All heavy atoms as atom14 arrays in JSON, in Angstrom:
{
  "sequence": "SNPIVVCHDGAEALEYVFGTGKYAGRNVAEFPAVTLLD",
  "atom14_mask": [
    [1, 1, 1, 1, 1, 1, 0, 0, 0, 0, 0, 0, 0, 0],
    [1, 1, 1, 1, 1, 1, 1, 1, 0, 0, 0, 0, 0, 0],
    [1, 1, 1, 1, 1, 1, 1, 0, 0, 0, 0, 0, 0, 0],
    [1, 1, 1, 1, 1, 1, 1, 1, 0, 0, 0, 0, 0, 0],
    [1, 1, 1, 1, 1, 1, 1, 0, 0, 0, 0, 0, 0, 0],
    [1, 1, 1, 1, 1, 1, 1, 0, 0, 0, 0, 0, 0, 0],
    [1, 1, 1, 1, 1, 1, 0, 0, 0, 0, 0, 0, 0, 0],
    [1, 1, 1, 1, 1, 1, 1, 1, 1, 1, 0, 0, 0, 0],
    [1, 1, 1, 1, 1, 1, 1, 1, 0, 0, 0, 0, 0, 0],
    [1, 1, 1, 1, 0, 0, 0, 0, 0, 0, 0, 0, 0, 0],
    [1, 1, 1, 1, 1, 0, 0, 0, 0, 0, 0, 0, 0, 0],
    [1, 1, 1, 1, 1, 1, 1, 1, 1, 0, 0, 0, 0, 0],
    [1, 1, 1, 1, 1, 0, 0, 0, 0, 0, 0, 0, 0, 0],
    [1, 1, 1, 1, 1, 1, 1, 1, 0, 0, 0, 0, 0, 0],
    [1, 1, 1, 1, 1, 1, 1, 1, 1, 0, 0, 0, 0, 0],
    [1, 1, 1, 1, 1, 1, 1, 1, 1, 1, 1, 1, 0, 0],
    [1, 1, 1, 1, 1, 1, 1, 0, 0, 0, 0, 0, 0, 0],
    [1, 1, 1, 1, 1, 1, 1, 1, 1, 1, 1, 0, 0, 0],
    [1, 1, 1, 1, 0, 0, 0, 0, 0, 0, 0, 0, 0, 0],
    [1, 1, 1, 1, 1, 1, 1, 0, 0, 0, 0, 0, 0, 0],
    [1, 1, 1, 1, 0, 0, 0, 0, 0, 0, 0, 0, 0, 0],
    [1, 1, 1, 1, 1, 1, 1, 1, 1, 0, 0, 0, 0, 0],
    [1, 1, 1, 1, 1, 1, 1, 1, 1, 1, 1, 1, 0, 0],
    [1, 1, 1, 1, 1, 0, 0, 0, 0, 0, 0, 0, 0, 0],
    [1, 1, 1, 1, 0, 0, 0, 0, 0, 0, 0, 0, 0, 0],
    [1, 1, 1, 1, 1, 1, 1, 1, 1, 1, 1, 0, 0, 0],
    [1, 1, 1, 1, 1, 1, 1, 1, 0, 0, 0, 0, 0, 0],
    [1, 1, 1, 1, 1, 1, 1, 0, 0, 0, 0, 0, 0, 0],
    [1, 1, 1, 1, 1, 0, 0, 0, 0, 0, 0, 0, 0, 0],
    [1, 1, 1, 1, 1, 1, 1, 1, 1, 0, 0, 0, 0, 0],
    [1, 1, 1, 1, 1, 1, 1, 1, 1, 1, 1, 0, 0, 0],
    [1, 1, 1, 1, 1, 1, 1, 0, 0, 0, 0, 0, 0, 0],
    [1, 1, 1, 1, 1, 0, 0, 0, 0, 0, 0, 0, 0, 0],
    [1, 1, 1, 1, 1, 1, 1, 0, 0, 0, 0, 0, 0, 0],
    [1, 1, 1, 1, 1, 1, 1, 0, 0, 0, 0, 0, 0, 0],
    [1, 1, 1, 1, 1, 1, 1, 1, 0, 0, 0, 0, 0, 0],
    [1, 1, 1, 1, 1, 1, 1, 1, 0, 0, 0, 0, 0, 0],
    [1, 1, 1, 1, 1, 1, 1, 1, 0, 0, 0, 0, 0, 0]
  ],
  "atom14_positions": [
    [[25.82, -92.73, -59.83], [24.4, -92.52, -60.11], [24.06, -92.6, -61.59], [22.9, -92.41, -61.96], [23.97, -91.15, -59.55], [24.71, -90.12, -60.18], [0.0, 0.0, 0.0], [0.0, 0.0, 0.0], [0.0, 0.0, 0.0], [0.0, 0.0, 0.0], [0.0, 0.0, 0.0], [0.0, 0.0, 0.0], [0.0, 0.0, 0.0], [0.0, 0.0, 0.0]],
    [[25.06, -92.87, -62.42], [24.79, -92.99, -63.86], [23.81, -94.13, -64.11], [23.82, -95.14, -63.4], [26.07, -93.31, -64.62], [27.12, -92.25, -64.46], [27.58, -92.0, -63.34], [27.53, -91.65, -65.55], [0.0, 0.0, 0.0], [0.0, 0.0, 0.0], [0.0, 0.0, 0.0], [0.0, 0.0, 0.0], [0.0, 0.0, 0.0], [0.0, 0.0, 0.0]],
    [[22.97, -93.99, -65.14], [22.12, -95.12, -65.52], [23.0, -96.29, -65.96], [24.05, -96.07, -66.56], [21.29, -94.59, -66.68], [21.71, -93.19, -66.93], [22.78, -92.83, -65.98], [0.0, 0.0, 0.0], [0.0, 0.0, 0.0], [0.0, 0.0, 0.0], [0.0, 0.0, 0.0], [0.0, 0.0, 0.0], [0.0, 0.0, 0.0], [0.0, 0.0, 0.0]],
    [[22.59, -97.5, -65.62], [23.36, -98.7, -65.97], [22.51, -99.6, -66.85], [21.37, -99.93, -66.5], [23.8, -99.46, -64.71], [24.66, -98.54, -63.83], [24.56, -100.73, -65.08], [24.94, -99.09, -62.45], [0.0, 0.0, 0.0], [0.0, 0.0, 0.0], [0.0, 0.0, 0.0], [0.0, 0.0, 0.0], [0.0, 0.0, 0.0], [0.0, 0.0, 0.0]],
    [[23.07, -99.99, -67.99], [22.42, -100.95, -68.88], [23.21, -102.24, -68.77], [24.44, -102.24, -68.88], [22.42, -100.45, -70.34], [21.91, -101.52, -71.29], [21.59, -99.18, -70.46], [0.0, 0.0, 0.0], [0.0, 0.0, 0.0], [0.0, 0.0, 0.0], [0.0, 0.0, 0.0], [0.0, 0.0, 0.0], [0.0, 0.0, 0.0], [0.0, 0.0, 0.0]],
    [[22.51, -103.35, -68.55], [23.16, -104.65, -68.44], [22.8, -105.49, -69.65], [21.62, -105.66, -69.97], [22.74, -105.38, -67.15], [23.4, -106.75, -67.07], [23.08, -104.55, -65.92], [0.0, 0.0, 0.0], [0.0, 0.0, 0.0], [0.0, 0.0, 0.0], [0.0, 0.0, 0.0], [0.0, 0.0, 0.0], [0.0, 0.0, 0.0], [0.0, 0.0, 0.0]],
    [[23.83, -106.0, -70.33], [23.65, -106.95, -71.42], [24.26, -108.27, -70.97], [25.28, -108.28, -70.27], [24.34, -106.45, -72.69], [23.61, -104.95, -73.37], [0.0, 0.0, 0.0], [0.0, 0.0, 0.0], [0.0, 0.0, 0.0], [0.0, 0.0, 0.0], [0.0, 0.0, 0.0], [0.0, 0.0, 0.0], [0.0, 0.0, 0.0], [0.0, 0.0, 0.0]],
    [[23.66, -109.38, -71.39], [24.07, -110.68, -70.88], [24.88, -111.52, -71.86], [25.26, -112.65, -71.53], [22.84, -111.44, -70.37], [22.22, -110.76, -69.2], [21.05, -110.05, -69.3], [22.63, -110.62, -67.92], [20.75, -109.53, -68.11], [21.7, -109.86, -67.27], [0.0, 0.0, 0.0], [0.0, 0.0, 0.0], [0.0, 0.0, 0.0], [0.0, 0.0, 0.0]],
    [[25.13, -111.01, -73.04], [26.01, -111.7, -73.98], [26.55, -110.68, -74.98], [26.09, -109.54, -75.03], [25.3, -112.87, -74.69], [24.09, -112.45, -75.49], [24.22, -111.59, -76.39], [22.99, -112.99, -75.22], [0.0, 0.0, 0.0], [0.0, 0.0, 0.0], [0.0, 0.0, 0.0], [0.0, 0.0, 0.0], [0.0, 0.0, 0.0], [0.0, 0.0, 0.0]],
    [[27.54, -111.1, -75.74], [28.18, -110.19, -76.67], [27.26, -109.7, -77.77], [27.34, -108.54, -78.19], [0.0, 0.0, 0.0], [0.0, 0.0, 0.0], [0.0, 0.0, 0.0], [0.0, 0.0, 0.0], [0.0, 0.0, 0.0], [0.0, 0.0, 0.0], [0.0, 0.0, 0.0], [0.0, 0.0, 0.0], [0.0, 0.0, 0.0], [0.0, 0.0, 0.0]],
    [[26.37, -110.56, -78.24], [25.44, -110.15, -79.3], [24.52, -109.04, -78.81], [24.28, -108.06, -79.52], [24.64, -111.36, -79.79], [0.0, 0.0, 0.0], [0.0, 0.0, 0.0], [0.0, 0.0, 0.0], [0.0, 0.0, 0.0], [0.0, 0.0, 0.0], [0.0, 0.0, 0.0], [0.0, 0.0, 0.0], [0.0, 0.0, 0.0], [0.0, 0.0, 0.0]],
    [[24.02, -109.17, -77.59], [23.15, -108.14, -77.03], [23.92, -106.83, -76.84], [23.39, -105.75, -77.08], [22.56, -108.6, -75.7], [21.59, -107.59, -75.09], [21.04, -108.01, -73.74], [21.36, -109.1, -73.24], [20.27, -107.21, -73.17], [0.0, 0.0, 0.0], [0.0, 0.0, 0.0], [0.0, 0.0, 0.0], [0.0, 0.0, 0.0], [0.0, 0.0, 0.0]],
    [[25.18, -106.93, -76.42], [26.0, -105.72, -76.25], [26.17, -105.0, -77.58], [26.06, -103.76, -77.64], [27.37, -106.1, -75.68], [0.0, 0.0, 0.0], [0.0, 0.0, 0.0], [0.0, 0.0, 0.0], [0.0, 0.0, 0.0], [0.0, 0.0, 0.0], [0.0, 0.0, 0.0], [0.0, 0.0, 0.0], [0.0, 0.0, 0.0], [0.0, 0.0, 0.0]],
    [[26.41, -105.74, -78.64], [26.54, -105.12, -79.97], [25.23, -104.49, -80.41], [25.22, -103.41, -81.01], [27.04, -106.13, -80.99], [28.49, -106.57, -80.8], [28.83, -107.72, -81.73], [29.45, -105.4, -81.01], [0.0, 0.0, 0.0], [0.0, 0.0, 0.0], [0.0, 0.0, 0.0], [0.0, 0.0, 0.0], [0.0, 0.0, 0.0], [0.0, 0.0, 0.0]],
    [[24.11, -105.15, -80.11], [22.8, -104.55, -80.42], [22.64, -103.23, -79.7], [22.15, -102.25, -80.28], [21.66, -105.5, -80.02], [21.49, -106.69, -80.92], [20.34, -107.58, -80.49], [19.69, -107.32, -79.43], [20.08, -108.57, -81.2], [0.0, 0.0, 0.0], [0.0, 0.0, 0.0], [0.0, 0.0, 0.0], [0.0, 0.0, 0.0], [0.0, 0.0, 0.0]],
    [[23.05, -103.17, -78.44], [22.93, -101.92, -77.68], [23.81, -100.83, -78.28], [23.35, -99.73, -78.56], [23.29, -102.13, -76.2], [23.22, -100.83, -75.44], [21.99, -100.34, -75.0], [24.35, -100.07, -75.2], [21.89, -99.13, -74.34], [24.27, -98.85, -74.54], [23.04, -98.39, -74.12], [22.94, -97.18, -73.48], [0.0, 0.0, 0.0], [0.0, 0.0, 0.0]],
    [[25.08, -101.15, -78.49], [26.03, -100.14, -78.99], [25.61, -99.61, -80.35], [25.67, -98.4, -80.6], [27.45, -100.74, -79.05], [28.4, -99.82, -79.8], [27.97, -100.99, -77.64], [0.0, 0.0, 0.0], [0.0, 0.0, 0.0], [0.0, 0.0, 0.0], [0.0, 0.0, 0.0], [0.0, 0.0, 0.0], [0.0, 0.0, 0.0], [0.0, 0.0, 0.0]],
    [[25.15, -100.5, -81.24], [24.83, -100.09, -82.6], [23.34, -99.8, -82.83], [22.92, -99.49, -83.94], [25.34, -101.13, -83.6], [26.84, -101.22, -83.59], [27.49, -102.33, -83.06], [27.62, -100.18, -84.08], [28.87, -102.4, -83.03], [29.0, -100.24, -84.06], [29.63, -101.35, -83.53], [0.0, 0.0, 0.0], [0.0, 0.0, 0.0], [0.0, 0.0, 0.0]],
    [[22.53, -99.9, -81.76], [21.11, -99.55, -81.87], [20.33, -100.45, -82.79], [19.5, -99.98, -83.57], [0.0, 0.0, 0.0], [0.0, 0.0, 0.0], [0.0, 0.0, 0.0], [0.0, 0.0, 0.0], [0.0, 0.0, 0.0], [0.0, 0.0, 0.0], [0.0, 0.0, 0.0], [0.0, 0.0, 0.0], [0.0, 0.0, 0.0], [0.0, 0.0, 0.0]],
    [[20.56, -101.76, -82.68], [19.84, -102.73, -83.5], [19.07, -103.7, -82.59], [19.16, -103.62, -81.37], [20.82, -103.53, -84.4], [21.73, -104.25, -83.58], [21.58, -102.61, -85.33], [0.0, 0.0, 0.0], [0.0, 0.0, 0.0], [0.0, 0.0, 0.0], [0.0, 0.0, 0.0], [0.0, 0.0, 0.0], [0.0, 0.0, 0.0], [0.0, 0.0, 0.0]],
    [[18.34, -104.64, -83.21], [17.61, -105.65, -82.44], [16.68, -105.03, -81.44], [15.95, -104.09, -81.75], [0.0, 0.0, 0.0], [0.0, 0.0, 0.0], [0.0, 0.0, 0.0], [0.0, 0.0, 0.0], [0.0, 0.0, 0.0], [0.0, 0.0, 0.0], [0.0, 0.0, 0.0], [0.0, 0.0, 0.0], [0.0, 0.0, 0.0], [0.0, 0.0, 0.0]],
    [[16.74, -105.51, -80.19], [15.83, -104.98, -79.17], [16.15, -103.55, -78.78], [15.37, -102.89, -78.1], [15.79, -105.9, -77.96], [16.96, -105.86, -77.03], [16.77, -106.89, -75.92], [17.4, -106.46, -74.63], [17.19, -107.43, -73.56], [0.0, 0.0, 0.0], [0.0, 0.0, 0.0], [0.0, 0.0, 0.0], [0.0, 0.0, 0.0], [0.0, 0.0, 0.0]],
    [[17.3, -103.03, -79.23], [17.68, -101.64, -78.95], [17.52, -100.75, -80.19], [18.04, -99.63, -80.23], [19.11, -101.56, -78.43], [19.28, -102.3, -77.12], [19.84, -103.57, -77.07], [18.88, -101.72, -75.92], [19.99, -104.25, -75.88], [19.02, -102.39, -74.72], [19.58, -103.65, -74.7], [19.72, -104.32, -73.51], [0.0, 0.0, 0.0], [0.0, 0.0, 0.0]],
    [[16.79, -101.24, -81.18], [16.56, -100.44, -82.4], [15.89, -99.12, -82.01], [14.97, -99.1, -81.2], [15.69, -101.21, -83.38], [0.0, 0.0, 0.0], [0.0, 0.0, 0.0], [0.0, 0.0, 0.0], [0.0, 0.0, 0.0], [0.0, 0.0, 0.0], [0.0, 0.0, 0.0], [0.0, 0.0, 0.0], [0.0, 0.0, 0.0], [0.0, 0.0, 0.0]],
    [[16.38, -98.05, -82.57], [15.82, -96.74, -82.27], [16.55, -96.01, -81.15], [16.31, -94.83, -80.92], [0.0, 0.0, 0.0], [0.0, 0.0, 0.0], [0.0, 0.0, 0.0], [0.0, 0.0, 0.0], [0.0, 0.0, 0.0], [0.0, 0.0, 0.0], [0.0, 0.0, 0.0], [0.0, 0.0, 0.0], [0.0, 0.0, 0.0], [0.0, 0.0, 0.0]],
    [[17.44, -96.72, -80.44], [18.24, -96.05, -79.41], [19.14, -95.03, -80.07], [19.68, -95.26, -81.15], [19.09, -97.09, -78.67], [19.87, -96.52, -77.5], [20.8, -97.54, -76.88], [22.07, -97.64, -77.59], [23.06, -96.74, -77.51], [22.92, -95.65, -76.79], [24.18, -96.93, -78.17], [0.0, 0.0, 0.0], [0.0, 0.0, 0.0], [0.0, 0.0, 0.0]],
    [[19.32, -93.89, -79.45], [20.2, -92.86, -79.99], [21.65, -93.31, -79.83], [22.23, -93.2, -78.75], [19.97, -91.53, -79.28], [20.83, -90.41, -79.84], [21.63, -90.62, -80.74], [20.66, -89.23, -79.29], [0.0, 0.0, 0.0], [0.0, 0.0, 0.0], [0.0, 0.0, 0.0], [0.0, 0.0, 0.0], [0.0, 0.0, 0.0], [0.0, 0.0, 0.0]],
    [[22.24, -93.82, -80.91], [23.6, -94.36, -80.83], [24.65, -93.27, -80.66], [25.8, -93.56, -80.36], [23.92, -95.24, -82.06], [23.03, -96.48, -82.08], [23.81, -94.46, -83.35], [0.0, 0.0, 0.0], [0.0, 0.0, 0.0], [0.0, 0.0, 0.0], [0.0, 0.0, 0.0], [0.0, 0.0, 0.0], [0.0, 0.0, 0.0], [0.0, 0.0, 0.0]],
    [[24.27, -92.01, -80.8], [25.19, -90.91, -80.53], [25.48, -90.81, -79.03], [26.5, -90.26, -78.62], [24.64, -89.6, -81.06], [0.0, 0.0, 0.0], [0.0, 0.0, 0.0], [0.0, 0.0, 0.0], [0.0, 0.0, 0.0], [0.0, 0.0, 0.0], [0.0, 0.0, 0.0], [0.0, 0.0, 0.0], [0.0, 0.0, 0.0], [0.0, 0.0, 0.0]],
    [[24.58, -91.35, -78.22], [24.77, -91.37, -76.78], [25.54, -92.63, -76.41], [24.98, -93.63, -75.97], [23.42, -91.31, -76.05], [22.7, -90.01, -76.26], [21.35, -89.96, -75.56], [21.03, -90.84, -74.73], [20.59, -89.03, -75.87], [0.0, 0.0, 0.0], [0.0, 0.0, 0.0], [0.0, 0.0, 0.0], [0.0, 0.0, 0.0], [0.0, 0.0, 0.0]],
    [[26.85, -92.57, -76.61], [27.73, -93.71, -76.35], [27.98, -93.83, -74.85], [28.08, -92.82, -74.15], [29.04, -93.5, -77.11], [29.79, -94.76, -77.35], [29.36, -95.67, -78.3], [30.93, -95.05, -76.62], [30.05, -96.84, -78.52], [31.62, -96.23, -76.84], [31.18, -97.12, -77.79], [0.0, 0.0, 0.0], [0.0, 0.0, 0.0], [0.0, 0.0, 0.0]],
    [[28.06, -95.06, -74.33], [28.29, -95.22, -72.89], [29.57, -94.51, -72.43], [30.57, -94.48, -73.14], [28.43, -96.73, -72.71], [27.77, -97.32, -73.91], [27.95, -96.34, -75.02], [0.0, 0.0, 0.0], [0.0, 0.0, 0.0], [0.0, 0.0, 0.0], [0.0, 0.0, 0.0], [0.0, 0.0, 0.0], [0.0, 0.0, 0.0], [0.0, 0.0, 0.0]],
    [[29.52, -93.97, -71.22], [30.69, -93.34, -70.63], [31.76, -94.39, -70.34], [32.94, -94.16, -70.52], [30.31, -92.61, -69.34], [0.0, 0.0, 0.0], [0.0, 0.0, 0.0], [0.0, 0.0, 0.0], [0.0, 0.0, 0.0], [0.0, 0.0, 0.0], [0.0, 0.0, 0.0], [0.0, 0.0, 0.0], [0.0, 0.0, 0.0], [0.0, 0.0, 0.0]],
    [[31.3, -95.55, -69.88], [32.18, -96.66, -69.51], [31.49, -97.95, -69.91], [30.28, -98.09, -69.76], [32.43, -96.69, -67.98], [33.23, -97.9, -67.55], [33.11, -95.42, -67.51], [0.0, 0.0, 0.0], [0.0, 0.0, 0.0], [0.0, 0.0, 0.0], [0.0, 0.0, 0.0], [0.0, 0.0, 0.0], [0.0, 0.0, 0.0], [0.0, 0.0, 0.0]],
    [[32.3, -98.88, -70.42], [31.79, -100.22, -70.7], [32.6, -101.21, -69.88], [33.83, -101.26, -70.01], [31.9, -100.56, -72.2], [31.12, -99.62, -72.94], [31.4, -101.96, -72.49], [0.0, 0.0, 0.0], [0.0, 0.0, 0.0], [0.0, 0.0, 0.0], [0.0, 0.0, 0.0], [0.0, 0.0, 0.0], [0.0, 0.0, 0.0], [0.0, 0.0, 0.0]],
    [[31.92, -101.96, -69.03], [32.55, -103.03, -68.25], [32.23, -104.32, -69.0], [31.07, -104.74, -69.05], [31.99, -103.06, -66.83], [32.12, -101.74, -66.06], [31.39, -101.83, -64.73], [33.58, -101.4, -65.84], [0.0, 0.0, 0.0], [0.0, 0.0, 0.0], [0.0, 0.0, 0.0], [0.0, 0.0, 0.0], [0.0, 0.0, 0.0], [0.0, 0.0, 0.0]],
    [[33.25, -104.92, -69.6], [33.05, -105.99, -70.58], [33.73, -107.27, -70.15], [34.96, -107.34, -70.06], [33.61, -105.51, -71.93], [33.56, -106.45, -73.11], [32.12, -106.79, -73.48], [34.29, -105.82, -74.3], [0.0, 0.0, 0.0], [0.0, 0.0, 0.0], [0.0, 0.0, 0.0], [0.0, 0.0, 0.0], [0.0, 0.0, 0.0], [0.0, 0.0, 0.0]],
    [[32.94, -108.3, -69.88], [33.46, -109.64, -69.63], [34.05, -110.15, -70.94], [33.48, -109.91, -72.01], [32.32, -110.54, -69.16], [32.76, -111.93, -68.74], [33.95, -112.26, -68.87], [31.89, -112.7, -68.28], [0.0, 0.0, 0.0], [0.0, 0.0, 0.0], [0.0, 0.0, 0.0], [0.0, 0.0, 0.0], [0.0, 0.0, 0.0], [0.0, 0.0, 0.0]]
  ]
}
C-alpha cells in the first residue's frame, strides 16, 4: 500500500531523489523505502 512514484528514465529518477527539476521542492529527507531500478 506504499505510495509508488514511477520515473521513466535515469535523469528523472535523479531529479526525484535529489529534489530537482520537476521534483523541485520535494522533501529529499523522505528517501524511498525501496527503489526498483532498471
